[in-house]
N, C-alpha and C. Protein backbone atom coordinates (compact mmCIF):
# COMPACT_ATOMS: atom_id res chain seq x y z
N MET A 1 82.23 62.18 64.79
CA MET A 1 82.44 63.55 65.26
C MET A 1 81.24 64.39 64.83
N SER A 2 80.69 65.12 65.79
CA SER A 2 79.51 65.93 65.48
C SER A 2 79.97 67.26 64.89
N ILE A 3 79.19 67.78 63.98
CA ILE A 3 79.47 69.08 63.38
C ILE A 3 78.22 69.92 63.44
N CYS A 4 78.38 71.21 63.30
CA CYS A 4 77.22 72.09 63.29
C CYS A 4 76.42 71.84 62.03
N GLN A 5 75.18 71.48 62.20
CA GLN A 5 74.27 71.34 61.06
C GLN A 5 73.45 72.62 61.00
N HIS A 6 73.70 73.41 59.97
CA HIS A 6 73.00 74.68 59.93
C HIS A 6 72.58 75.00 58.50
N VAL A 7 71.52 75.77 58.41
CA VAL A 7 71.07 76.28 57.13
C VAL A 7 70.94 77.78 57.27
N ILE A 8 71.10 78.46 56.16
CA ILE A 8 70.99 79.91 56.18
C ILE A 8 69.78 80.31 55.35
N VAL A 9 68.93 81.09 55.97
CA VAL A 9 67.77 81.64 55.26
C VAL A 9 67.91 83.15 55.33
N PRO A 10 67.20 83.89 54.48
CA PRO A 10 67.39 85.34 54.43
C PRO A 10 67.29 86.01 55.80
N GLU A 11 68.37 86.71 56.18
CA GLU A 11 68.44 87.48 57.40
C GLU A 11 68.20 86.63 58.64
N ARG A 12 68.42 85.31 58.53
CA ARG A 12 68.26 84.44 59.69
C ARG A 12 69.32 83.37 59.64
N TRP A 13 69.76 82.92 60.80
CA TRP A 13 70.71 81.81 60.90
C TRP A 13 70.11 80.82 61.89
N VAL A 14 69.65 79.69 61.39
CA VAL A 14 68.98 78.70 62.22
C VAL A 14 69.88 77.49 62.39
N VAL A 15 70.22 77.14 63.62
CA VAL A 15 71.07 76.00 63.90
C VAL A 15 70.34 75.08 64.87
N GLN A 16 70.06 73.88 64.44
CA GLN A 16 69.39 72.89 65.27
C GLN A 16 68.16 73.48 65.95
N GLY A 17 67.41 74.21 65.20
CA GLY A 17 66.16 74.75 65.70
C GLY A 17 66.28 76.04 66.48
N VAL A 18 67.50 76.55 66.67
CA VAL A 18 67.69 77.79 67.43
C VAL A 18 68.01 78.92 66.49
N ASP A 19 67.25 79.99 66.57
CA ASP A 19 67.48 81.17 65.73
C ASP A 19 68.58 82.00 66.39
N HIS A 20 69.79 81.97 65.82
CA HIS A 20 70.91 82.65 66.43
C HIS A 20 71.02 84.11 66.01
N MET A 21 70.10 84.59 65.20
CA MET A 21 70.05 86.01 64.96
C MET A 21 69.35 86.72 66.11
N THR A 22 68.56 85.97 66.89
CA THR A 22 67.86 86.55 68.03
C THR A 22 68.30 85.93 69.34
N SER A 23 68.98 84.78 69.31
CA SER A 23 69.45 84.14 70.53
C SER A 23 70.59 84.94 71.15
N SER A 24 70.71 84.88 72.49
CA SER A 24 71.75 85.63 73.18
C SER A 24 73.04 84.83 73.32
N THR A 25 73.03 83.56 72.90
CA THR A 25 74.23 82.74 72.99
C THR A 25 74.52 82.10 71.63
N THR A 26 75.76 81.67 71.47
CA THR A 26 76.19 81.04 70.21
C THR A 26 75.97 79.53 70.26
N GLU A 27 76.06 78.91 69.11
CA GLU A 27 75.98 77.46 69.01
C GLU A 27 77.22 76.85 69.66
N PRO A 28 77.06 75.91 70.61
CA PRO A 28 78.22 75.35 71.33
C PRO A 28 79.33 74.81 70.43
N CYS A 29 78.97 74.17 69.32
CA CYS A 29 80.01 73.58 68.48
C CYS A 29 80.81 74.61 67.70
N ARG A 30 80.41 75.88 67.76
CA ARG A 30 81.17 76.95 67.09
C ARG A 30 82.14 77.65 68.03
N ARG A 31 82.06 77.33 69.31
CA ARG A 31 82.91 78.03 70.29
C ARG A 31 84.32 77.45 70.27
N ARG A 32 85.30 78.33 70.33
CA ARG A 32 86.70 77.93 70.28
C ARG A 32 87.43 78.57 71.46
N TYR A 33 87.28 77.94 72.64
CA TYR A 33 87.80 78.54 73.86
C TYR A 33 89.33 78.56 73.89
N GLY A 34 89.97 77.54 73.32
CA GLY A 34 91.43 77.53 73.30
C GLY A 34 91.99 78.69 72.50
N ALA A 35 91.42 78.92 71.32
CA ALA A 35 91.86 80.04 70.50
C ALA A 35 91.54 81.36 71.18
N ALA A 36 90.39 81.41 71.84
CA ALA A 36 90.01 82.64 72.54
C ALA A 36 90.98 82.96 73.67
N LEU A 37 91.44 81.92 74.36
CA LEU A 37 92.40 82.13 75.45
C LEU A 37 93.69 82.75 74.94
N TRP A 38 94.26 82.17 73.90
CA TRP A 38 95.50 82.70 73.35
C TRP A 38 95.30 84.10 72.77
N ALA A 39 94.19 84.29 72.08
CA ALA A 39 93.91 85.61 71.52
C ALA A 39 93.75 86.64 72.64
N GLY A 40 93.11 86.23 73.74
CA GLY A 40 92.93 87.14 74.86
C GLY A 40 94.24 87.53 75.51
N VAL A 41 95.15 86.57 75.68
CA VAL A 41 96.45 86.88 76.29
C VAL A 41 97.22 87.89 75.43
N LEU A 42 97.31 87.62 74.14
CA LEU A 42 98.05 88.51 73.25
C LEU A 42 97.37 89.88 73.13
N ALA A 43 96.04 89.86 73.07
CA ALA A 43 95.31 91.13 72.99
C ALA A 43 95.49 91.93 74.27
N GLY A 44 95.55 91.25 75.42
CA GLY A 44 95.76 91.94 76.68
C GLY A 44 97.12 92.61 76.75
N ILE A 45 98.14 91.95 76.24
CA ILE A 45 99.49 92.55 76.21
C ILE A 45 99.49 93.80 75.33
N ILE A 46 98.91 93.67 74.15
CA ILE A 46 98.84 94.82 73.24
C ILE A 46 98.00 95.94 73.86
N GLY A 47 96.90 95.57 74.49
CA GLY A 47 96.04 96.57 75.12
C GLY A 47 96.75 97.33 76.23
N ALA A 48 97.57 96.62 77.02
CA ALA A 48 98.31 97.28 78.09
C ALA A 48 99.28 98.31 77.53
N ILE A 49 99.95 97.97 76.44
CA ILE A 49 100.88 98.91 75.81
C ILE A 49 100.13 100.11 75.25
N VAL A 50 98.97 99.85 74.66
CA VAL A 50 98.15 100.93 74.11
C VAL A 50 97.70 101.88 75.22
N LYS A 51 97.31 101.32 76.37
CA LYS A 51 96.87 102.18 77.49
C LYS A 51 98.02 103.02 78.00
N PHE A 52 99.24 102.47 78.03
CA PHE A 52 100.41 103.28 78.36
C PHE A 52 100.51 104.47 77.41
N GLY A 53 100.41 104.18 76.12
CA GLY A 53 100.53 105.23 75.11
C GLY A 53 99.44 106.28 75.24
N TRP A 54 98.23 105.86 75.58
CA TRP A 54 97.11 106.79 75.74
C TRP A 54 97.42 107.82 76.83
N GLU A 55 98.07 107.37 77.90
CA GLU A 55 98.28 108.23 79.06
C GLU A 55 99.45 109.19 78.89
N VAL A 56 100.20 109.07 77.80
CA VAL A 56 101.29 110.03 77.57
C VAL A 56 100.72 111.42 77.24
N PRO A 57 99.82 111.56 76.25
CA PRO A 57 99.26 112.90 75.99
C PRO A 57 98.10 113.26 76.92
N LEU A 58 97.50 112.24 77.58
CA LEU A 58 96.34 112.49 78.44
C LEU A 58 96.56 111.85 79.81
N PRO A 59 97.53 112.34 80.59
CA PRO A 59 97.79 111.73 81.90
C PRO A 59 96.58 111.87 82.82
N PRO A 60 96.15 110.78 83.44
CA PRO A 60 94.94 110.84 84.26
C PRO A 60 95.15 111.44 85.64
N ARG A 61 96.40 111.50 86.10
CA ARG A 61 96.65 112.00 87.46
C ARG A 61 97.74 113.08 87.45
N THR A 62 97.70 113.92 88.47
CA THR A 62 98.75 114.92 88.65
C THR A 62 100.05 114.22 89.02
N ALA A 63 101.17 114.94 88.88
CA ALA A 63 102.46 114.37 89.24
C ALA A 63 102.50 113.99 90.71
N ALA A 64 101.86 114.80 91.56
CA ALA A 64 101.86 114.51 93.00
C ALA A 64 101.13 113.21 93.31
N ARG A 65 99.98 113.03 92.69
CA ARG A 65 99.22 111.80 92.93
C ARG A 65 99.87 110.60 92.29
N ASN A 66 100.62 110.83 91.21
CA ASN A 66 101.26 109.71 90.53
C ASN A 66 102.56 109.29 91.19
N ALA A 67 102.98 110.03 92.22
CA ALA A 67 104.17 109.62 92.96
C ALA A 67 103.97 108.23 93.56
N THR A 68 102.73 107.96 93.96
CA THR A 68 102.30 106.60 94.31
C THR A 68 101.04 106.35 93.50
N ASN A 69 101.18 105.61 92.40
CA ASN A 69 100.04 105.41 91.51
C ASN A 69 99.08 104.36 92.07
N PRO A 70 97.88 104.23 91.50
CA PRO A 70 96.90 103.29 92.05
C PRO A 70 97.38 101.85 92.20
N PRO A 71 98.09 101.26 91.23
CA PRO A 71 98.60 99.90 91.47
C PRO A 71 99.52 99.82 92.69
N GLN A 72 100.39 100.81 92.84
CA GLN A 72 101.29 100.82 94.00
C GLN A 72 100.50 101.00 95.29
N GLN A 73 99.53 101.90 95.29
CA GLN A 73 98.72 102.14 96.47
C GLN A 73 97.93 100.89 96.85
N LEU A 74 97.37 100.21 95.86
CA LEU A 74 96.60 99.00 96.13
C LEU A 74 97.48 97.92 96.75
N LEU A 75 98.67 97.74 96.21
CA LEU A 75 99.58 96.74 96.76
C LEU A 75 99.97 97.08 98.19
N GLN A 76 100.17 98.36 98.48
CA GLN A 76 100.51 98.76 99.84
C GLN A 76 99.34 98.51 100.79
N GLN A 77 98.12 98.70 100.30
CA GLN A 77 96.96 98.40 101.12
C GLN A 77 96.85 96.90 101.42
N LEU A 78 97.40 96.09 100.51
CA LEU A 78 97.38 94.64 100.69
C LEU A 78 98.55 94.15 101.53
N GLY A 79 99.39 95.08 102.00
CA GLY A 79 100.46 94.71 102.91
C GLY A 79 101.86 94.74 102.34
N PHE A 80 102.02 95.06 101.08
CA PHE A 80 103.36 95.16 100.49
C PHE A 80 104.01 96.48 100.90
N SER A 81 105.33 96.44 101.06
CA SER A 81 106.04 97.62 101.53
C SER A 81 106.14 98.67 100.42
N GLU A 82 106.32 99.92 100.84
CA GLU A 82 106.50 100.99 99.86
C GLU A 82 107.78 100.77 99.06
N HIS A 83 108.80 100.24 99.71
CA HIS A 83 110.04 99.96 99.00
C HIS A 83 109.81 98.96 97.86
N PHE A 84 109.03 97.92 98.14
CA PHE A 84 108.74 96.92 97.10
C PHE A 84 107.92 97.52 95.97
N THR A 85 106.85 98.23 96.31
CA THR A 85 105.95 98.74 95.27
C THR A 85 106.61 99.79 94.39
N HIS A 86 107.66 100.46 94.90
CA HIS A 86 108.32 101.50 94.13
C HIS A 86 109.63 101.02 93.50
N MET A 87 109.86 99.70 93.52
CA MET A 87 111.06 99.19 92.86
C MET A 87 111.01 99.53 91.37
N SER A 88 112.16 99.87 90.81
CA SER A 88 112.18 100.33 89.42
C SER A 88 113.43 99.82 88.71
N TYR A 89 113.38 99.95 87.39
CA TYR A 89 114.56 99.72 86.56
C TYR A 89 114.80 100.99 85.76
N THR A 90 115.96 101.11 85.19
CA THR A 90 116.31 102.32 84.45
C THR A 90 116.47 102.01 82.97
N PHE A 91 115.83 102.84 82.16
CA PHE A 91 115.97 102.70 80.70
C PHE A 91 116.08 104.09 80.12
N SER A 92 117.14 104.31 79.34
CA SER A 92 117.40 105.63 78.74
C SER A 92 117.45 106.72 79.81
N GLY A 93 117.91 106.34 80.99
CA GLY A 93 118.06 107.32 82.06
C GLY A 93 116.80 107.58 82.86
N TRP A 94 115.68 106.87 82.50
CA TRP A 94 114.41 107.07 83.21
C TRP A 94 114.19 105.92 84.20
N PRO A 95 113.89 106.24 85.47
CA PRO A 95 113.50 105.18 86.42
C PRO A 95 112.05 104.78 86.15
N LEU A 96 111.81 103.50 85.96
CA LEU A 96 110.48 103.01 85.59
C LEU A 96 110.01 101.97 86.61
N PRO A 97 108.81 102.16 87.18
CA PRO A 97 108.32 101.30 88.27
C PRO A 97 107.80 99.96 87.76
N PHE A 98 108.65 98.96 87.72
CA PHE A 98 108.27 97.70 87.08
C PHE A 98 107.21 96.93 87.86
N VAL A 99 107.12 97.14 89.19
CA VAL A 99 106.10 96.42 89.96
C VAL A 99 104.70 96.88 89.53
N SER A 100 104.50 98.18 89.39
CA SER A 100 103.19 98.66 88.93
C SER A 100 102.95 98.28 87.48
N PHE A 101 104.03 98.15 86.69
CA PHE A 101 103.88 97.68 85.31
C PHE A 101 103.34 96.24 85.29
N ILE A 102 103.84 95.41 86.20
CA ILE A 102 103.35 94.02 86.28
C ILE A 102 101.86 94.00 86.58
N VAL A 103 101.43 94.85 87.52
CA VAL A 103 100.00 94.93 87.83
C VAL A 103 99.22 95.42 86.62
N HIS A 104 99.75 96.43 85.94
CA HIS A 104 99.09 97.01 84.76
C HIS A 104 98.90 95.94 83.68
N PHE A 105 99.95 95.20 83.37
CA PHE A 105 99.85 94.16 82.34
C PHE A 105 98.96 93.01 82.81
N GLY A 106 99.07 92.63 84.08
CA GLY A 106 98.23 91.55 84.59
C GLY A 106 96.76 91.89 84.53
N PHE A 107 96.41 93.14 84.87
CA PHE A 107 95.02 93.61 84.81
C PHE A 107 94.51 93.52 83.37
N SER A 108 95.30 94.03 82.44
CA SER A 108 94.88 94.04 81.03
C SER A 108 94.72 92.63 80.48
N ILE A 109 95.68 91.77 80.76
CA ILE A 109 95.61 90.39 80.25
C ILE A 109 94.42 89.65 80.85
N PHE A 110 94.22 89.81 82.16
CA PHE A 110 93.11 89.10 82.82
C PHE A 110 91.78 89.47 82.20
N PHE A 111 91.51 90.76 82.05
CA PHE A 111 90.20 91.16 81.54
C PHE A 111 90.08 90.93 80.03
N ALA A 112 91.18 90.95 79.31
CA ALA A 112 91.12 90.60 77.89
C ALA A 112 90.75 89.13 77.73
N VAL A 113 91.32 88.26 78.57
CA VAL A 113 90.99 86.83 78.51
C VAL A 113 89.54 86.60 78.91
N VAL A 114 89.09 87.25 79.99
CA VAL A 114 87.69 87.12 80.41
C VAL A 114 86.77 87.55 79.28
N TYR A 115 87.08 88.68 78.67
CA TYR A 115 86.28 89.21 77.56
C TYR A 115 86.26 88.25 76.38
N ALA A 116 87.42 87.72 76.00
CA ALA A 116 87.51 86.82 74.85
C ALA A 116 86.74 85.53 75.10
N LEU A 117 86.81 84.99 76.31
CA LEU A 117 86.08 83.76 76.62
C LEU A 117 84.57 84.01 76.66
N LEU A 118 84.16 85.13 77.25
CA LEU A 118 82.74 85.46 77.26
C LEU A 118 82.20 85.66 75.84
N ALA A 119 83.01 86.27 74.97
CA ALA A 119 82.58 86.55 73.60
C ALA A 119 82.29 85.29 72.81
N GLU A 120 82.92 84.17 73.19
CA GLU A 120 82.65 82.91 72.49
C GLU A 120 81.21 82.46 72.69
N LYS A 121 80.66 82.71 73.86
CA LYS A 121 79.30 82.26 74.16
C LYS A 121 78.28 83.39 74.08
N TYR A 122 78.69 84.58 74.54
CA TYR A 122 77.76 85.71 74.61
C TYR A 122 78.24 86.83 73.69
N PRO A 123 77.86 86.83 72.44
CA PRO A 123 78.37 87.84 71.50
C PRO A 123 77.99 89.27 71.87
N ARG A 124 76.94 89.42 72.67
CA ARG A 124 76.53 90.77 73.02
C ARG A 124 77.54 91.48 73.92
N VAL A 125 78.47 90.73 74.51
CA VAL A 125 79.52 91.36 75.31
C VAL A 125 80.39 92.25 74.43
N LYS A 126 80.35 92.03 73.12
CA LYS A 126 81.15 92.81 72.18
C LYS A 126 80.44 94.08 71.71
N LEU A 127 79.37 94.45 72.39
CA LEU A 127 78.58 95.62 71.99
C LEU A 127 79.48 96.83 71.77
N TRP A 128 79.26 97.49 70.64
CA TRP A 128 80.05 98.66 70.23
C TRP A 128 81.54 98.29 70.16
N GLN A 129 81.81 97.09 69.66
CA GLN A 129 83.18 96.60 69.49
C GLN A 129 83.99 96.68 70.79
N GLY A 130 83.34 96.29 71.87
CA GLY A 130 84.01 96.22 73.17
C GLY A 130 83.97 97.50 73.98
N ALA A 131 83.47 98.59 73.40
CA ALA A 131 83.47 99.87 74.11
C ALA A 131 82.65 99.82 75.39
N VAL A 132 81.50 99.17 75.35
CA VAL A 132 80.63 99.09 76.53
C VAL A 132 81.33 98.30 77.64
N PHE A 133 82.00 97.21 77.28
CA PHE A 133 82.74 96.42 78.26
C PHE A 133 83.84 97.27 78.90
N GLY A 134 84.54 98.05 78.10
CA GLY A 134 85.58 98.92 78.62
C GLY A 134 85.03 99.97 79.57
N LEU A 135 83.90 100.57 79.23
CA LEU A 135 83.27 101.55 80.11
C LEU A 135 82.85 100.90 81.43
N ALA A 136 82.33 99.67 81.33
CA ALA A 136 81.91 98.96 82.54
C ALA A 136 83.09 98.71 83.48
N ILE A 137 84.25 98.37 82.92
CA ILE A 137 85.45 98.16 83.73
C ILE A 137 85.86 99.46 84.41
N TRP A 138 85.80 100.57 83.67
CA TRP A 138 86.13 101.87 84.25
C TRP A 138 85.20 102.20 85.42
N VAL A 139 83.90 102.06 85.22
CA VAL A 139 82.94 102.36 86.28
C VAL A 139 83.18 101.46 87.49
N LEU A 140 83.35 100.17 87.25
CA LEU A 140 83.50 99.22 88.34
C LEU A 140 84.73 99.53 89.19
N PHE A 141 85.86 99.80 88.55
CA PHE A 141 87.10 99.97 89.30
C PHE A 141 87.37 101.41 89.73
N HIS A 142 87.17 102.37 88.82
CA HIS A 142 87.57 103.74 89.12
C HIS A 142 86.47 104.55 89.82
N LEU A 143 85.23 104.11 89.70
CA LEU A 143 84.14 104.85 90.34
C LEU A 143 83.54 104.10 91.53
N VAL A 144 83.78 102.80 91.62
CA VAL A 144 83.15 102.01 92.69
C VAL A 144 84.20 101.35 93.59
N LEU A 145 84.91 100.35 93.08
CA LEU A 145 85.75 99.52 93.94
C LEU A 145 86.94 100.28 94.54
N MET A 146 87.74 100.92 93.71
CA MET A 146 88.94 101.59 94.24
C MET A 146 88.59 102.77 95.15
N PRO A 147 87.57 103.58 94.83
CA PRO A 147 87.18 104.61 95.81
C PRO A 147 86.67 103.99 97.12
N ALA A 148 85.92 102.90 97.03
CA ALA A 148 85.41 102.26 98.24
C ALA A 148 86.54 101.72 99.11
N MET A 149 87.63 101.30 98.47
CA MET A 149 88.78 100.78 99.21
C MET A 149 89.74 101.88 99.66
N GLY A 150 89.52 103.11 99.21
CA GLY A 150 90.42 104.20 99.55
C GLY A 150 91.67 104.24 98.71
N THR A 151 91.70 103.48 97.61
CA THR A 151 92.87 103.46 96.73
C THR A 151 92.97 104.75 95.94
N VAL A 152 91.84 105.26 95.50
CA VAL A 152 91.77 106.55 94.80
C VAL A 152 90.69 107.38 95.48
N PRO A 153 90.67 108.69 95.25
CA PRO A 153 89.63 109.53 95.86
C PRO A 153 88.23 109.13 95.38
N ALA A 154 87.22 109.58 96.11
CA ALA A 154 85.84 109.37 95.69
C ALA A 154 85.62 110.00 94.32
N PRO A 155 84.70 109.47 93.52
CA PRO A 155 84.52 109.99 92.15
C PRO A 155 84.33 111.50 92.09
N TRP A 156 83.61 112.07 93.06
CA TRP A 156 83.36 113.51 93.04
C TRP A 156 84.58 114.32 93.46
N HIS A 157 85.60 113.64 93.98
CA HIS A 157 86.85 114.32 94.32
C HIS A 157 87.94 114.08 93.27
N GLN A 158 87.64 113.25 92.30
CA GLN A 158 88.57 113.05 91.20
C GLN A 158 88.39 114.18 90.19
N PRO A 159 89.48 114.75 89.69
CA PRO A 159 89.34 115.87 88.74
C PRO A 159 88.73 115.42 87.41
N PHE A 160 88.20 116.39 86.69
CA PHE A 160 87.59 116.10 85.39
C PHE A 160 88.59 115.44 84.45
N ASP A 161 89.85 115.91 84.49
CA ASP A 161 90.87 115.33 83.61
C ASP A 161 91.02 113.83 83.84
N GLU A 162 90.92 113.41 85.08
CA GLU A 162 91.05 111.98 85.39
C GLU A 162 89.89 111.19 84.81
N HIS A 163 88.67 111.71 84.99
CA HIS A 163 87.50 111.03 84.42
C HIS A 163 87.59 110.97 82.90
N LEU A 164 88.00 112.07 82.29
CA LEU A 164 88.09 112.12 80.83
C LEU A 164 89.11 111.11 80.32
N SER A 165 90.31 111.12 80.90
CA SER A 165 91.37 110.24 80.44
C SER A 165 91.03 108.77 80.70
N GLU A 166 90.54 108.46 81.88
CA GLU A 166 90.28 107.07 82.22
C GLU A 166 89.07 106.50 81.49
N SER A 167 88.00 107.28 81.34
CA SER A 167 86.80 106.75 80.67
C SER A 167 87.08 106.46 79.20
N PHE A 168 87.58 107.46 78.47
CA PHE A 168 87.88 107.24 77.06
C PHE A 168 89.07 106.31 76.88
N GLY A 169 90.00 106.34 77.82
CA GLY A 169 91.14 105.43 77.75
C GLY A 169 90.71 103.98 77.85
N HIS A 170 89.73 103.69 78.72
CA HIS A 170 89.24 102.33 78.84
C HIS A 170 88.46 101.90 77.60
N VAL A 171 87.73 102.84 76.99
CA VAL A 171 87.03 102.54 75.74
C VAL A 171 88.04 102.19 74.65
N PHE A 172 89.06 103.02 74.50
CA PHE A 172 90.07 102.78 73.47
C PHE A 172 90.84 101.49 73.74
N TRP A 173 91.19 101.27 74.99
CA TRP A 173 91.89 100.04 75.41
C TRP A 173 91.11 98.79 75.01
N MET A 174 89.81 98.76 75.33
CA MET A 174 89.03 97.57 75.02
C MET A 174 88.72 97.46 73.54
N TRP A 175 88.59 98.58 72.86
CA TRP A 175 88.36 98.53 71.41
C TRP A 175 89.56 97.90 70.71
N VAL A 176 90.77 98.28 71.11
CA VAL A 176 91.97 97.67 70.54
C VAL A 176 92.03 96.18 70.89
N ILE A 177 91.66 95.83 72.10
CA ILE A 177 91.61 94.42 72.49
C ILE A 177 90.63 93.66 71.61
N GLU A 178 89.47 94.23 71.34
CA GLU A 178 88.48 93.56 70.49
C GLU A 178 89.00 93.38 69.07
N LEU A 179 89.61 94.42 68.51
CA LEU A 179 90.15 94.29 67.15
C LEU A 179 91.21 93.20 67.10
N THR A 180 92.07 93.17 68.10
CA THR A 180 93.14 92.18 68.15
C THR A 180 92.58 90.78 68.37
N ARG A 181 91.65 90.68 69.32
CA ARG A 181 91.03 89.38 69.61
C ARG A 181 90.37 88.78 68.39
N ARG A 182 89.57 89.60 67.71
CA ARG A 182 88.84 89.08 66.55
C ARG A 182 89.78 88.63 65.45
N ASP A 183 90.79 89.43 65.17
CA ASP A 183 91.73 89.07 64.10
C ASP A 183 92.50 87.80 64.46
N LEU A 184 93.04 87.73 65.67
CA LEU A 184 93.82 86.56 66.06
C LEU A 184 92.96 85.31 66.14
N ARG A 185 91.78 85.45 66.72
CA ARG A 185 90.87 84.30 66.85
C ARG A 185 90.51 83.76 65.47
N ASN A 186 90.21 84.65 64.56
CA ASN A 186 89.82 84.22 63.21
C ASN A 186 90.99 83.63 62.44
N ARG A 187 92.19 84.16 62.66
CA ARG A 187 93.37 83.60 62.00
C ARG A 187 93.70 82.21 62.56
N ILE A 188 93.60 82.06 63.88
CA ILE A 188 93.92 80.78 64.51
C ILE A 188 92.95 79.69 64.07
N THR A 189 91.66 80.02 64.04
CA THR A 189 90.63 79.01 63.75
C THR A 189 90.33 78.89 62.26
N GLY A 190 90.64 79.92 61.49
CA GLY A 190 90.23 79.93 60.09
C GLY A 190 88.75 80.14 59.92
N GLU A 191 88.08 80.61 60.97
CA GLU A 191 86.63 80.83 60.96
C GLU A 191 86.32 82.23 61.48
N PRO A 192 85.16 82.76 61.11
CA PRO A 192 84.71 84.01 61.73
C PRO A 192 84.24 83.73 63.16
N ASP A 193 83.88 84.77 63.88
CA ASP A 193 83.38 84.60 65.24
C ASP A 193 82.18 83.67 65.28
N ALA A 194 81.93 83.11 66.46
CA ALA A 194 80.97 82.01 66.59
C ALA A 194 79.56 82.37 66.15
N GLU A 195 79.19 83.64 66.25
CA GLU A 195 77.82 84.02 65.88
C GLU A 195 77.68 84.34 64.40
N VAL A 196 78.78 84.38 63.67
CA VAL A 196 78.74 84.73 62.24
C VAL A 196 78.43 83.48 61.44
N PRO A 197 77.43 83.52 60.57
CA PRO A 197 77.06 82.32 59.79
C PRO A 197 78.21 81.82 58.93
N LEU A 198 78.32 80.48 58.84
CA LEU A 198 79.27 79.84 57.93
C LEU A 198 78.53 79.45 56.66
N PRO A 199 79.24 79.24 55.55
CA PRO A 199 78.57 78.73 54.34
C PRO A 199 77.88 77.41 54.62
N ALA A 200 76.77 77.19 53.97
CA ALA A 200 76.02 75.93 54.16
C ALA A 200 76.92 74.75 53.82
N LEU A 201 76.79 73.67 54.60
CA LEU A 201 77.60 72.47 54.40
C LEU A 201 76.96 71.52 53.41
N GLY A 202 77.79 70.88 52.62
CA GLY A 202 77.33 69.79 51.77
C GLY A 202 76.58 70.20 50.53
N GLY A 203 76.49 71.50 50.27
CA GLY A 203 75.76 71.93 49.08
C GLY A 203 76.67 72.07 47.88
N ASN A 204 76.12 71.93 46.67
CA ASN A 204 76.87 72.12 45.42
C ASN A 204 76.18 73.23 44.61
């Protein structure tokens, strides 16, 4: 069985001739994709709940626009009926749209898993503890794709409150995902992230 042969020198981590303090990728034998997958799923679930909580004090849309929220509107554009997209369950007397909740959780889990898997090989994806990745998701979906599809208004027609809530909400969402991912990944593997140096092997 092959193992990572590495030595640590001051402010440098050299593995099989590759300087990983300056390399953009991690050493292959340090990558733990299975652990990253599970960490990503759980982090995505937690992230989805956190994003729900964020939108309570900072709702991104008016009540009128939220009558059909973006997940519901997107599904209707894909051919699903309004009756289906607005199906709900009741809890504590509140009707809650579970179909859009499924989309919300699915979105969060998918991108948390993508992020966690990318982080195994490309540590720079974790820039600013995931904040940059979160901002990129906001720009891609809320400023480019969904306006282009007519799911939400064009960026210049979206109110400032929506930009404020969604931009910082995506940063906070991904930051929580990164904190959760790192903790779970490290607990599962018993190791730090793949780019973090391990103690030298075989020394006394």
